[in-house]
Each structure stands twice: as structure tokens, then as C-alpha cells.
């Protein structure tokens, strides 16, 4: 249904934002829109 598609697209958006956050954290902490993310804590201590 439409609800399922909406949730699926929202999930993809969240995954995309998360991927961008991780990529930003890899390039520089200031590039991460989430500020602090688990991968950053593990890799950029």
C-alpha cells in the first residue's frame, strides 16, 4: 500500500542521511550532520 511505500522511502532517506553522516565523519567531524555517530566514536577517537 501507499503507507508501506511511504515508510520504505522514509527508511531509504534515513539510510542515505546516515551514509552521508558516516562519509562526512570520515572526511572531517564538522562534515557530519549528526555531529556524533557510533562509527565516528569508534574510528575517530
N, C-alpha and C. Protein backbone atom coordinates (compact mmCIF):
# COMPACT_ATOMS: atom_id res chain seq x y z
N UNK A 1 0.81 -1.22 0.00
CA UNK A 1 0.00 0.00 0.00
C UNK A 1 0.84 1.26 0.00
N UNK A 2 0.16 2.37 0.00
CA UNK A 2 0.89 3.64 -0.01
C UNK A 2 1.66 3.86 1.28
N UNK A 3 1.07 3.42 2.38
CA UNK A 3 1.74 3.58 3.67
C UNK A 3 3.07 2.83 3.68
N UNK A 4 3.04 1.60 3.16
CA UNK A 4 4.27 0.82 3.11
C UNK A 4 5.33 1.49 2.26
N UNK A 5 4.90 2.06 1.13
CA UNK A 5 5.84 2.74 0.25
C UNK A 5 6.41 3.98 0.94
N UNK A 6 5.55 4.69 1.68
CA UNK A 6 6.00 5.89 2.38
C UNK A 6 7.03 5.53 3.44
N UNK A 7 6.76 4.46 4.19
CA UNK A 7 7.70 4.04 5.22
C UNK A 7 9.00 3.57 4.59
N UNK A 8 8.89 2.88 3.45
CA UNK A 8 10.08 2.39 2.77
C UNK A 8 10.94 3.56 2.30
N UNK A 9 10.29 4.57 1.71
CA UNK A 9 11.04 5.74 1.23
C UNK A 9 11.65 6.50 2.38
N UNK A 10 10.90 6.60 3.49
CA UNK A 10 11.43 7.29 4.67
C UNK A 10 12.65 6.55 5.19
N UNK A 11 12.59 5.21 5.17
CA UNK A 11 13.72 4.41 5.61
C UNK A 11 14.93 4.63 4.72
N UNK A 12 14.70 4.71 3.42
CA UNK A 12 15.80 4.96 2.49
C UNK A 12 16.41 6.33 2.74
N UNK A 13 15.55 7.31 3.03
CA UNK A 13 16.05 8.66 3.31
C UNK A 13 16.93 8.64 4.55
N UNK A 14 16.50 7.91 5.58
CA UNK A 14 17.28 7.83 6.81
C UNK A 14 18.61 7.14 6.55
N UNK A 15 18.59 6.07 5.75
CA UNK A 15 19.83 5.37 5.44
C UNK A 15 20.77 6.27 4.65
N UNK A 16 20.19 7.06 3.74
CA UNK A 16 21.00 7.98 2.94
C UNK A 16 21.64 9.03 3.84
N UNK A 17 20.86 9.59 4.76
CA UNK A 17 21.39 10.59 5.68
C UNK A 17 22.48 9.98 6.56
N UNK A 18 22.25 8.74 7.00
CA UNK A 18 23.23 8.06 7.85
C UNK A 18 24.53 7.82 7.08
N UNK A 19 24.39 7.39 5.81
CA UNK A 19 25.57 7.15 4.98
C UNK A 19 26.33 8.45 4.76
N UNK A 20 25.60 9.54 4.53
CA UNK A 20 26.24 10.84 4.35
C UNK A 20 26.93 11.27 5.64
N UNK A 21 26.32 10.96 6.77
CA UNK A 21 26.91 11.32 8.06
C UNK A 21 28.21 10.55 8.27
N UNK A 22 28.20 9.26 7.95
CA UNK A 22 29.41 8.45 8.10
C UNK A 22 30.49 8.94 7.15
N UNK A 23 30.09 9.28 5.91
CA UNK A 23 31.04 9.76 4.91
C UNK A 23 31.62 11.10 5.36
N UNK A 24 30.74 11.95 5.91
CA UNK A 24 31.19 13.25 6.40
C UNK A 24 32.15 13.08 7.58
N UNK A 25 31.85 12.11 8.45
CA UNK A 25 32.70 11.87 9.60
C UNK A 25 34.08 11.40 9.15
N UNK A 26 34.11 10.65 8.05
CA UNK A 26 35.38 10.17 7.53
C UNK A 26 36.22 11.31 6.97
N UNK A 27 35.55 12.32 6.40
CA UNK A 27 36.27 13.44 5.82
C UNK A 27 36.59 14.51 6.85
N UNK A 28 35.85 14.53 7.94
CA UNK A 28 36.06 15.53 8.97
C UNK A 28 34.85 15.59 9.87
N UNK A 29 35.08 15.71 11.16
CA UNK A 29 33.97 15.66 12.10
C UNK A 29 32.95 16.76 11.83
N UNK A 30 33.42 17.91 11.38
CA UNK A 30 32.50 19.03 11.13
C UNK A 30 31.59 18.74 9.94
N UNK A 31 31.96 17.75 9.13
CA UNK A 31 31.16 17.43 7.95
C UNK A 31 29.99 16.52 8.27
N UNK A 32 29.93 16.06 9.52
CA UNK A 32 28.86 15.13 9.89
C UNK A 32 27.64 15.89 10.39
N UNK A 33 26.51 15.78 9.68
CA UNK A 33 25.29 16.49 10.08
C UNK A 33 24.74 16.00 11.41
N UNK A 34 25.08 14.77 11.78
CA UNK A 34 24.57 14.22 13.03
C UNK A 34 25.48 14.57 14.20
N UNK A 35 26.60 15.20 13.90
CA UNK A 35 27.52 15.60 14.96
C UNK A 35 28.35 14.41 15.46
N UNK A 36 27.71 13.53 16.20
CA UNK A 36 28.40 12.35 16.71
C UNK A 36 27.65 11.10 16.29
N UNK A 37 28.36 10.16 15.71
CA UNK A 37 27.73 8.90 15.33
C UNK A 37 28.62 7.76 15.80
N UNK A 38 28.04 6.60 16.03
CA UNK A 38 28.80 5.45 16.57
C UNK A 38 30.09 5.16 15.82
N UNK A 39 30.05 5.18 14.49
CA UNK A 39 31.25 4.87 13.72
C UNK A 39 32.33 5.91 13.97
N UNK A 40 31.91 7.17 14.15
CA UNK A 40 32.88 8.22 14.40
C UNK A 40 33.56 7.99 15.75
N UNK A 41 32.78 7.57 16.72
CA UNK A 41 33.34 7.31 18.05
C UNK A 41 34.36 6.19 17.98
N UNK A 42 34.06 5.18 17.16
CA UNK A 42 34.94 4.02 17.07
C UNK A 42 36.20 4.31 16.28
N UNK A 43 36.08 5.15 15.23
CA UNK A 43 37.20 5.30 14.31
C UNK A 43 37.97 6.60 14.50
N UNK A 44 37.33 7.60 15.10
CA UNK A 44 37.96 8.93 15.17
C UNK A 44 38.12 9.39 16.60
N UNK A 45 38.53 8.48 17.48
CA UNK A 45 38.70 8.85 18.88
C UNK A 45 39.99 9.61 19.06
